[in-house]
């Protein structure tokens, strides 16, 4: 019971030390969260360039060997399989 009470008090102290009115901006978003939102917006607006697949160098690539690759038998016995 005492441990539960101490945990509750520590949690409240931790909560009120982290979220202060000075740390919240006009959108009521914490700075770390706002930074992540800006990263997401940058990622969302990114355009991929697929023109590399149209180049002659890419079209001249050929497959050598087996597809899919089949693993060769070998290796050590699994000591922990028993």
Protein backbone atom coordinates (compact mmCIF):
# COMPACT_ATOMS: atom_id res chain seq x y z
CA UNK A 1 0.00 0.00 0.00
CA UNK A 2 2.83 2.36 0.86
CA UNK A 3 4.59 1.48 -2.38
CA UNK A 4 1.44 2.28 -4.35
CA UNK A 5 1.08 5.63 -2.58
CA UNK A 6 4.74 6.53 -3.19
CA UNK A 7 4.38 5.54 -6.86
CA UNK A 8 1.35 7.76 -7.24
CA UNK A 9 3.10 10.72 -5.63
CA UNK A 10 6.23 10.21 -7.76
CA UNK A 11 4.07 9.97 -10.88
CA UNK A 12 2.30 13.22 -10.11
CA UNK A 13 5.58 15.02 -9.40
CA UNK A 14 7.05 13.69 -12.64
CA UNK A 15 3.92 14.68 -14.62
CA UNK A 16 3.79 18.23 -13.33
CA UNK A 17 7.54 18.80 -13.82
CA UNK A 18 7.42 17.77 -17.48
CA UNK A 19 4.26 19.58 -18.62
CA UNK A 20 4.40 23.22 -17.69
CA UNK A 21 2.40 25.98 -19.29
CA UNK A 22 5.63 27.59 -20.57
CA UNK A 23 6.50 24.50 -22.59
CA UNK A 24 3.26 24.38 -24.54
CA UNK A 25 3.09 26.49 -27.70
CA UNK A 26 0.04 28.15 -29.23
CA UNK A 27 -1.11 24.86 -30.79
CA UNK A 28 -0.91 23.16 -27.38
CA UNK A 29 1.62 20.66 -28.74
CA UNK A 30 4.78 19.84 -26.83
CA UNK A 31 7.97 20.88 -28.67
CA UNK A 32 9.14 17.27 -29.20
CA UNK A 33 5.83 16.27 -30.72
CA UNK A 34 5.78 19.39 -32.89
CA UNK A 35 9.29 18.57 -34.15
CA UNK A 36 8.11 15.07 -35.12
CA UNK A 37 5.09 16.55 -36.94
CA UNK A 38 7.41 18.80 -38.96
CA UNK A 39 9.57 15.78 -39.86
CA UNK A 40 6.45 13.94 -41.00
CA UNK A 41 5.33 16.86 -43.16
CA UNK A 42 8.75 16.93 -44.82
CA UNK A 43 8.53 13.19 -45.44
CA UNK A 44 4.94 13.45 -46.72
CA UNK A 45 5.88 16.09 -49.31
CA UNK A 46 8.87 14.10 -50.59
CA UNK A 47 8.69 12.94 -54.22
CA UNK A 48 10.42 9.78 -55.44
CA UNK A 49 12.31 9.81 -58.73
CA UNK A 50 11.60 6.62 -60.69
CA UNK A 51 13.42 7.79 -63.81
CA UNK A 52 16.36 5.55 -62.91
CA UNK A 53 14.28 2.57 -64.06
CA UNK A 54 14.01 4.09 -67.54
CA UNK A 55 17.78 4.37 -68.07
CA UNK A 56 19.55 2.02 -70.48
CA UNK A 57 21.96 0.86 -67.76
CA UNK A 58 19.07 -0.46 -65.69
CA UNK A 59 17.37 -2.12 -68.64
CA UNK A 60 20.61 -3.94 -69.56
CA UNK A 61 20.83 -5.72 -66.21
CA UNK A 62 20.52 -9.51 -66.45
CA UNK A 63 19.86 -12.27 -63.93
CA UNK A 64 22.71 -14.73 -63.33
CA UNK A 65 22.26 -17.95 -61.36
CA UNK A 66 19.15 -19.42 -59.77
CA UNK A 67 16.17 -17.35 -58.76
CA UNK A 68 15.14 -17.80 -55.97
CA UNK A 69 18.45 -18.70 -54.38
CA UNK A 70 18.44 -22.18 -52.86
CA UNK A 71 20.65 -22.57 -49.80
CA UNK A 72 23.30 -25.25 -50.00
CA UNK A 73 23.20 -28.04 -47.42
CA UNK A 74 25.90 -27.79 -44.84
CA UNK A 75 26.87 -26.13 -41.66
CA UNK A 76 27.04 -27.45 -38.12
CA UNK A 77 24.34 -29.37 -36.33
CA UNK A 78 22.17 -27.30 -33.99
CA UNK A 79 23.30 -28.16 -30.47
CA UNK A 80 20.16 -26.67 -28.91
CA UNK A 81 17.59 -28.44 -31.09
CA UNK A 82 17.13 -31.37 -28.69
